[in-house]
Amino acid sequence: PVGLRGKNRARSKKPLLLALFLPRSPTGHTIGITIFAGLSIYALIQGNHRLTPSTLPLPHSPTLPLPHSPTAQQELWTSLGILEFLATLAYLGYHLVPNPTALWPWAGAIAAVLAIGFKRLPWEPWGWSARPGHYTAFFLPIGTLLLSALVTNIPSILLVAAFYAWLAYVTNQIRLSYLSVFCIGWAVFLFLQLQQWEQAIWMALDVGGAVLYVIQVDPRLRSPDQRTIRHNLRLITTGLICYVSVAESLSNPWLGILTLLLSLGLLLAGIGLRTRAYLYVGTGTLLFEVLRYTRRFVGQNPLQIWAVGIVLGLGFIWVAATFEARRNQVNAALSYWRTELESWE
């Protein structure tokens, strides 16, 4: 019966699948490598339009070919050949390296090196479509890094980040650098875990910095008509970072110093980059922290309240007198800065 033959065929395949994971003799390793390499070479030959010409030439446009066209079939063969080649390398690494588990933490870095080769190879002059090789270069490092996420190390993640930064540069596609930012954030997270820095401010800086980078460089957000959206997104992101920093500093005085430095840095960045969101959030956070520490300092000695009150009173009197004497100059300065801030990012 047909059902019985299907069951027998399925049973016969089980030993073959199990045999892939069993120890082999040197002859078995050689046979396995030869099979993998032979399949890779055969698929690559089928995908080469010089060695296996089709009725239609390879397109030079970046658009995808038709699904059933000869070009699409050759690209499929090329993709299969590349996958078989990668499988051959993985087989070699697993069975020939004395301690293959030592390679797992560096799998992402190894994949990044291979991806550079796939990106730089002259595919079209050699007779292959460049699209399968370029797709492999794009997906291989991040895919390998995710598969080895539990055992990867910080240098490997940073090398993958450097690869995507290079890829974004050579292809002039800035959004590819988002993968670099993701990898850098991942590496920072692992570093914080190693240092046992579990305060929320570090995670806020890690994630918030990545978001601010996207706001700064994203082609869609950089258009002039998105100016208000950029400003609001920067306000929300920097505001959340400073809120987390202030909340953490309430229980940790050392983080209070970090909050002061962070707010001062945002203020200076706002002035240097002519960015209103950084200036507003940095100034507001700095004033809040100064007032909070002043109140804490004064509260330790009641006599200091009188001294602070006298100083503040004299300051208000001086400001009022100066404003009355130089009303026109003050109004001109305020008008100038209001107009200047409107032209800022």
Protein backbone atom coordinates (compact mmCIF):
# COMPACT_ATOMS: atom_id res chain seq x y z
CA PRO A 1 0.00 0.00 0.00
CA VAL A 2 1.03 3.62 -0.58
CA GLY A 3 0.79 4.53 3.10
CA LEU A 4 3.04 1.65 4.11
CA ARG A 5 5.66 2.57 1.51
CA GLY A 6 5.62 6.18 2.77
CA LYS A 7 6.19 5.03 6.34
CA ASN A 8 9.03 2.74 5.28
CA ARG A 9 10.64 5.57 3.30
CA ALA A 10 10.41 7.90 6.30
CA ARG A 11 11.96 5.25 8.53
CA SER A 12 14.80 4.74 6.10
CA LYS A 13 15.67 8.45 6.19
CA LYS A 14 16.04 8.59 9.97
CA PRO A 15 19.41 6.77 10.07
CA LEU A 16 20.72 9.12 7.36
CA LEU A 17 19.76 12.21 9.36
CA LEU A 18 21.21 10.78 12.56
CA ALA A 19 24.43 9.92 10.76
CA LEU A 20 25.16 13.63 10.21
CA PHE A 21 25.66 14.10 13.96
CA LEU A 22 27.59 10.91 14.72
CA PRO A 23 31.41 10.68 14.94
CA ARG A 24 33.11 9.72 11.69
CA SER A 25 36.39 8.28 10.58
CA PRO A 26 38.86 10.43 8.59
CA THR A 27 37.55 8.77 5.44
CA GLY A 28 33.99 9.75 6.39
CA HIS A 29 35.08 13.35 6.92
CA THR A 30 36.72 13.41 3.50
CA ILE A 31 33.62 11.98 1.86
CA GLY A 32 31.37 14.48 3.63
CA ILE A 33 33.53 17.45 2.65
CA THR A 34 33.72 16.20 -0.93
CA ILE A 35 29.93 15.86 -1.13
CA PHE A 36 29.31 19.34 0.28
CA ALA A 37 31.95 20.90 -1.98
CA GLY A 38 30.67 19.03 -5.03
CA LEU A 39 27.10 20.21 -4.46
CA SER A 40 28.32 23.78 -4.02
CA ILE A 41 30.38 23.68 -7.23
CA TYR A 42 27.52 22.12 -9.20
CA ALA A 43 25.03 24.80 -8.02
CA LEU A 44 27.48 27.61 -8.75
CA ILE A 45 28.10 26.25 -12.26
CA GLN A 46 24.35 26.15 -12.88
CA GLY A 47 24.08 29.75 -11.69
CA ASN A 48 26.90 31.04 -13.92
CA HIS A 49 25.52 32.46 -17.16
CA ARG A 50 28.85 31.90 -18.93
CA LEU A 51 29.19 28.24 -18.01
CA THR A 52 25.44 27.59 -18.29
CA PRO A 53 24.08 30.27 -20.64
CA SER A 54 20.39 31.04 -20.63
CA THR A 55 18.19 32.43 -23.36
CA LEU A 56 18.03 35.81 -21.62
CA PRO A 57 20.98 37.93 -20.47
CA LEU A 58 21.37 38.96 -16.87
CA PRO A 59 19.60 42.26 -16.17
CA HIS A 60 21.65 45.26 -15.16
CA SER A 61 18.78 47.02 -13.40
CA PRO A 62 18.46 46.72 -9.59
CA THR A 63 14.90 45.44 -9.91
CA LEU A 64 14.16 41.80 -9.18
CA PRO A 65 13.81 39.47 -12.18
CA LEU A 66 10.63 37.59 -12.95
CA PRO A 67 10.15 34.50 -10.72
CA HIS A 68 10.23 31.99 -13.58
CA SER A 69 12.76 33.74 -15.81
CA PRO A 70 16.14 32.10 -16.56
CA THR A 71 17.83 34.90 -14.62
CA ALA A 72 15.79 34.12 -11.49
CA GLN A 73 16.60 30.43 -11.82
CA GLN A 74 20.32 31.16 -12.14
CA GLU A 75 20.20 33.42 -9.09
CA LEU A 76 18.47 30.63 -7.20
CA TRP A 77 21.25 28.22 -8.19
CA THR A 78 23.86 30.80 -7.13
CA SER A 79 22.17 31.24 -3.76
CA LEU A 80 22.08 27.48 -3.25
CA GLY A 81 25.76 27.26 -4.19
CA ILE A 82 26.67 29.95 -1.68
CA LEU A 83 24.67 28.19 1.04
CA GLU A 84 26.40 24.90 0.24
CA PHE A 85 29.76 26.67 0.39
CA LEU A 86 28.93 28.08 3.82
CA ALA A 87 27.75 24.65 4.94
CA THR A 88 31.09 23.21 3.78
CA LEU A 89 32.99 25.79 5.83
CA ALA A 90 30.81 25.07 8.86
CA TYR A 91 31.42 21.33 8.43
CA LEU A 92 35.18 21.92 8.20
CA GLY A 93 35.15 24.13 11.28
CA TYR A 94 33.12 21.68 13.32
CA HIS A 95 34.96 18.47 12.43
CA LEU A 96 38.54 19.58 11.76
CA VAL A 97 39.12 22.20 14.46
CA PRO A 98 40.32 20.52 17.71
CA ASN A 99 37.97 22.58 19.88
CA PRO A 100 35.09 23.83 17.68
CA THR A 101 33.15 25.26 20.63
CA ALA A 102 35.90 27.87 21.01
CA LEU A 103 34.89 29.32 17.65
CA TRP A 104 31.28 29.99 18.62
CA PRO A 105 31.97 33.25 20.50
CA TRP A 106 33.77 34.49 17.37
CA ALA A 107 31.18 33.26 14.88
CA GLY A 108 29.90 36.77 14.21
CA ALA A 109 33.38 38.13 13.51
CA ILE A 110 34.17 35.21 11.16
CA ALA A 111 30.88 35.81 9.35
CA ALA A 112 31.72 39.51 9.00
CA VAL A 113 35.05 38.67 7.35
CA LEU A 114 33.31 36.28 4.94
CA ALA A 115 30.66 38.92 4.22
CA ILE A 116 33.32 41.41 3.17
CA GLY A 117 34.52 38.85 0.63
CA PHE A 118 30.99 38.24 -0.68
CA LYS A 119 30.49 41.99 -1.05
CA ARG A 120 33.80 42.71 -2.78
CA LEU A 121 33.97 39.73 -5.17
CA PRO A 122 33.51 40.68 -8.87
CA TRP A 123 30.41 38.53 -9.35
CA GLU A 124 29.22 39.92 -12.67
CA PRO A 125 32.61 39.85 -14.47
CA TRP A 126 32.93 36.21 -13.39
CA GLY A 127 29.51 35.35 -14.80
CA TRP A 128 27.23 35.40 -11.76
CA SER A 129 24.54 37.81 -10.75
CA ALA A 130 25.78 40.03 -7.93
CA ARG A 131 22.46 40.01 -6.08
CA PRO A 132 22.80 36.63 -4.26
CA GLY A 133 26.32 37.44 -3.08
CA HIS A 134 25.29 40.88 -1.85
CA TYR A 135 22.24 39.50 -0.06
CA THR A 136 24.48 36.94 1.62
CA ALA A 137 26.86 39.69 2.69
CA PHE A 138 23.97 41.57 4.25
CA PHE A 139 22.26 38.73 6.15
CA LEU A 140 25.22 36.52 7.09
CA PRO A 141 26.86 38.56 9.93
CA ILE A 142 23.69 39.56 11.77
CA GLY A 143 22.13 36.12 11.27
CA THR A 144 25.23 34.37 12.61
CA LEU A 145 25.44 36.80 15.51
CA LEU A 146 21.83 36.13 16.49
CA LEU A 147 22.32 32.36 16.26
CA SER A 148 25.35 32.60 18.57
CA ALA A 149 23.78 35.23 20.83
CA LEU A 150 24.07 33.16 24.01
CA VAL A 151 27.82 32.60 23.68
CA THR A 152 29.05 35.59 21.66
CA ASN A 153 31.56 38.10 23.06
CA ILE A 154 31.90 41.86 22.91
CA PRO A 155 34.77 42.04 20.34
CA SER A 156 32.79 39.87 17.92
CA ILE A 157 29.73 42.11 18.25
CA LEU A 158 31.85 45.22 17.69
CA LEU A 159 33.42 43.71 14.57
CA VAL A 160 29.95 43.03 13.16
CA ALA A 161 29.02 46.63 14.01
CA ALA A 162 32.09 47.85 12.15
CA PHE A 163 31.14 45.72 9.15
CA TYR A 164 27.67 47.26 8.87
CA ALA A 165 29.12 50.75 9.29
CA TRP A 166 31.48 49.98 6.39
CA LEU A 167 28.62 48.50 4.36
CA ALA A 168 26.52 51.63 4.93
CA TYR A 169 29.45 53.76 3.76
CA VAL A 170 30.30 51.82 0.58
CA THR A 171 26.65 51.47 -0.46
CA ASN A 172 25.72 55.03 0.59
CA GLN A 173 22.72 53.68 2.51
CA ILE A 174 22.75 55.30 5.92
CA ARG A 175 19.98 53.09 7.27
CA LEU A 176 22.30 50.09 7.17
CA SER A 177 24.18 51.78 10.00
CA TYR A 178 21.17 51.13 12.24
CA LEU A 179 22.43 47.56 12.51
CA SER A 180 25.75 48.97 13.70
CA VAL A 181 23.95 51.00 16.34
CA PHE A 182 22.01 47.90 17.40
CA CYS A 183 25.23 45.90 17.74
CA ILE A 184 26.97 48.67 19.67
CA GLY A 185 24.02 48.89 22.05
CA TRP A 186 24.17 45.12 22.49
CA ALA A 187 27.90 45.29 23.26
CA VAL A 188 27.34 48.09 25.77
CA PHE A 189 24.61 46.02 27.44
CA LEU A 190 26.97 43.04 27.81
CA PHE A 191 29.68 45.34 29.19
CA LEU A 192 27.25 46.74 31.78
CA GLN A 193 26.37 43.21 32.81
CA LEU A 194 30.03 42.29 33.20
CA GLN A 195 30.64 45.38 35.33
CA GLN A 196 27.42 44.73 37.32
CA TRP A 197 26.19 48.27 36.64
CA GLU A 198 22.48 47.62 37.04
CA GLN A 199 21.24 51.21 37.36
CA ALA A 200 18.51 52.17 34.91
CA ILE A 201 20.40 55.29 33.81
CA TRP A 202 22.95 53.23 31.89
CA MET A 203 20.25 51.44 29.93
CA ALA A 204 18.50 54.76 29.32
CA LEU A 205 21.71 56.23 27.91
CA ASP A 206 22.27 53.14 25.78
CA VAL A 207 18.80 53.04 24.24
CA GLY A 208 18.34 56.81 24.17
CA GLY A 209 21.63 57.36 22.37
CA ALA A 210 20.58 54.91 19.65
CA VAL A 211 17.23 56.68 19.23
CA LEU A 212 18.89 60.10 19.02
CA TYR A 213 21.24 58.78 16.33
CA VAL A 214 18.29 57.56 14.24
CA ILE A 215 16.55 60.92 14.65
CA GLN A 216 19.71 62.71 13.54
CA VAL A 217 20.55 60.71 10.40
CA ASP A 218 17.31 59.14 9.12
CA PRO A 219 16.73 60.43 5.56
CA ARG A 220 12.99 60.79 6.07
CA LEU A 221 13.29 62.70 9.34
CA ARG A 222 15.99 64.98 7.92
CA SER A 223 13.61 66.58 5.41
CA PRO A 224 12.72 70.22 6.18
CA ASP A 225 9.01 69.49 6.66
CA GLN A 226 9.87 67.04 9.50
CA ARG A 227 11.55 69.71 11.63
CA THR A 228 8.80 69.82 14.26
CA ILE A 229 8.69 66.02 14.50
CA ARG A 230 12.48 65.88 14.97
CA HIS A 231 12.26 68.49 17.71
CA ASN A 232 9.46 66.67 19.55
CA LEU A 233 11.21 63.30 19.30
CA ARG A 234 14.42 64.80 20.69
CA LEU A 235 12.49 66.43 23.51
CA ILE A 236 10.82 63.13 24.45
CA THR A 237 14.03 61.08 24.22
CA THR A 238 16.31 63.46 26.11
CA GLY A 239 13.52 64.19 28.60
CA LEU A 240 13.12 60.50 29.41
CA ILE A 241 16.89 60.07 29.78
CA CYS A 242 17.12 63.00 32.18
CA TYR A 243 14.01 61.86 34.08
CA VAL A 244 15.53 58.43 34.66
CA SER A 245 18.82 60.05 35.68
CA VAL A 246 17.12 62.37 38.18
CA ALA A 247 15.03 59.51 39.60
CA GLU A 248 18.14 57.36 40.06
CA SER A 249 20.08 60.22 41.66
CA LEU A 250 17.51 60.54 44.44
CA SER A 251 18.85 57.34 45.99
CA ASN A 252 22.47 57.56 44.83
CA PRO A 253 24.43 60.80 45.36
CA TRP A 254 27.12 59.76 42.87
CA LEU A 255 24.51 59.50 40.14
CA GLY A 256 23.51 63.04 41.05
CA ILE A 257 26.92 64.20 39.88
CA LEU A 258 26.39 62.23 36.66
CA THR A 259 23.03 63.97 36.22
CA LEU A 260 24.66 67.38 36.57
CA LEU A 261 27.31 66.45 34.02
CA LEU A 262 24.68 65.01 31.67
CA SER A 263 22.52 68.12 31.84
CA LEU A 264 25.54 70.38 31.35
CA GLY A 265 26.63 68.28 28.38
CA LEU A 266 23.16 68.53 26.82
CA LEU A 267 23.18 72.29 27.34
CA LEU A 268 26.57 72.67 25.65
CA ALA A 269 25.53 70.28 22.88
CA GLY A 270 22.43 72.36 22.30
CA ILE A 271 24.52 75.51 21.93
CA GLY A 272 27.21 73.88 19.82
CA LEU A 273 24.82 71.98 17.53
CA ARG A 274 22.19 74.75 17.58
CA THR A 275 19.56 72.23 18.69
CA ARG A 276 16.69 73.54 20.79
CA ALA A 277 15.66 70.24 22.37
CA TYR A 278 19.10 69.63 23.88
CA LEU A 279 19.27 73.22 25.13
CA TYR A 280 15.81 73.18 26.71
CA VAL A 281 16.10 69.78 28.41
CA GLY A 282 19.71 70.38 29.52
CA THR A 283 18.90 73.81 30.97
CA GLY A 284 15.76 72.60 32.74
CA THR A 285 17.48 69.57 34.25
CA LEU A 286 20.49 71.61 35.34
CA LEU A 287 18.31 74.22 37.07
CA PHE A 288 16.26 71.50 38.78
CA GLU A 289 19.36 69.74 40.08
CA VAL A 290 20.96 72.99 41.27
CA LEU A 291 17.79 73.97 43.15
CA ARG A 292 17.47 70.47 44.62
CA TYR A 293 21.04 70.45 45.90
CA THR A 294 20.67 74.02 47.19
CA ARG A 295 17.56 73.03 49.14
CA ARG A 296 19.34 69.97 50.49
CA PHE A 297 22.36 72.03 51.48
CA VAL A 298 20.30 74.75 53.14
CA GLY A 299 18.11 72.25 54.96
CA GLN A 300 21.09 70.95 56.91
CA ASN A 301 21.51 74.27 58.79
CA PRO A 302 18.54 76.61 59.47
CA LEU A 303 20.84 79.64 59.72
CA GLN A 304 21.79 79.19 56.09
CA ILE A 305 18.19 79.87 55.07
CA TRP A 306 18.56 83.50 56.18
CA ALA A 307 21.82 83.88 54.27
CA VAL A 308 20.33 82.43 51.10
CA GLY A 309 17.23 84.61 51.46
CA ILE A 310 19.36 87.76 51.80
CA VAL A 311 21.45 86.86 48.76
CA LEU A 312 18.36 86.10 46.68
CA GLY A 313 16.71 89.34 47.78
CA LEU A 314 19.73 91.41 46.81
CA GLY A 315 19.87 89.56 43.50
CA PHE A 316 16.21 90.31 42.71
CA ILE A 317 16.72 94.00 43.59
CA TRP A 318 19.73 94.20 41.27
CA VAL A 319 17.85 92.49 38.44
CA ALA A 320 14.88 94.84 38.83
CA ALA A 321 17.10 97.93 38.86
CA THR A 322 19.09 96.77 35.87
CA PHE A 323 15.94 95.92 33.92
CA GLU A 324 14.42 99.37 34.53
CA ALA A 325 17.65 101.11 33.54
CA ARG A 326 18.21 99.00 30.43
CA ARG A 327 14.71 98.03 29.42
CA ASN A 328 15.31 98.63 25.71
CA GLN A 329 18.55 96.65 25.65
CA VAL A 330 16.97 93.72 27.51
CA ASN A 331 13.95 93.68 25.18
CA ALA A 332 16.26 93.78 22.14
CA ALA A 333 18.34 90.91 23.50
CA LEU A 334 15.24 88.83 24.24
CA SER A 335 13.85 89.52 20.78
CA TYR A 336 17.16 88.59 19.19
CA TRP A 337 17.41 85.27 21.02
CA ARG A 338 13.77 84.45 20.32
CA THR A 339 14.38 84.95 16.62
CA GLU A 340 17.68 83.06 16.81
CA LEU A 341 16.12 80.06 18.53
CA GLU A 342 13.42 79.87 15.86
CA SER A 343 16.14 79.26 13.28
CA TRP A 344 17.77 76.49 15.32
CA GLU A 345 17.19 72.80 14.66
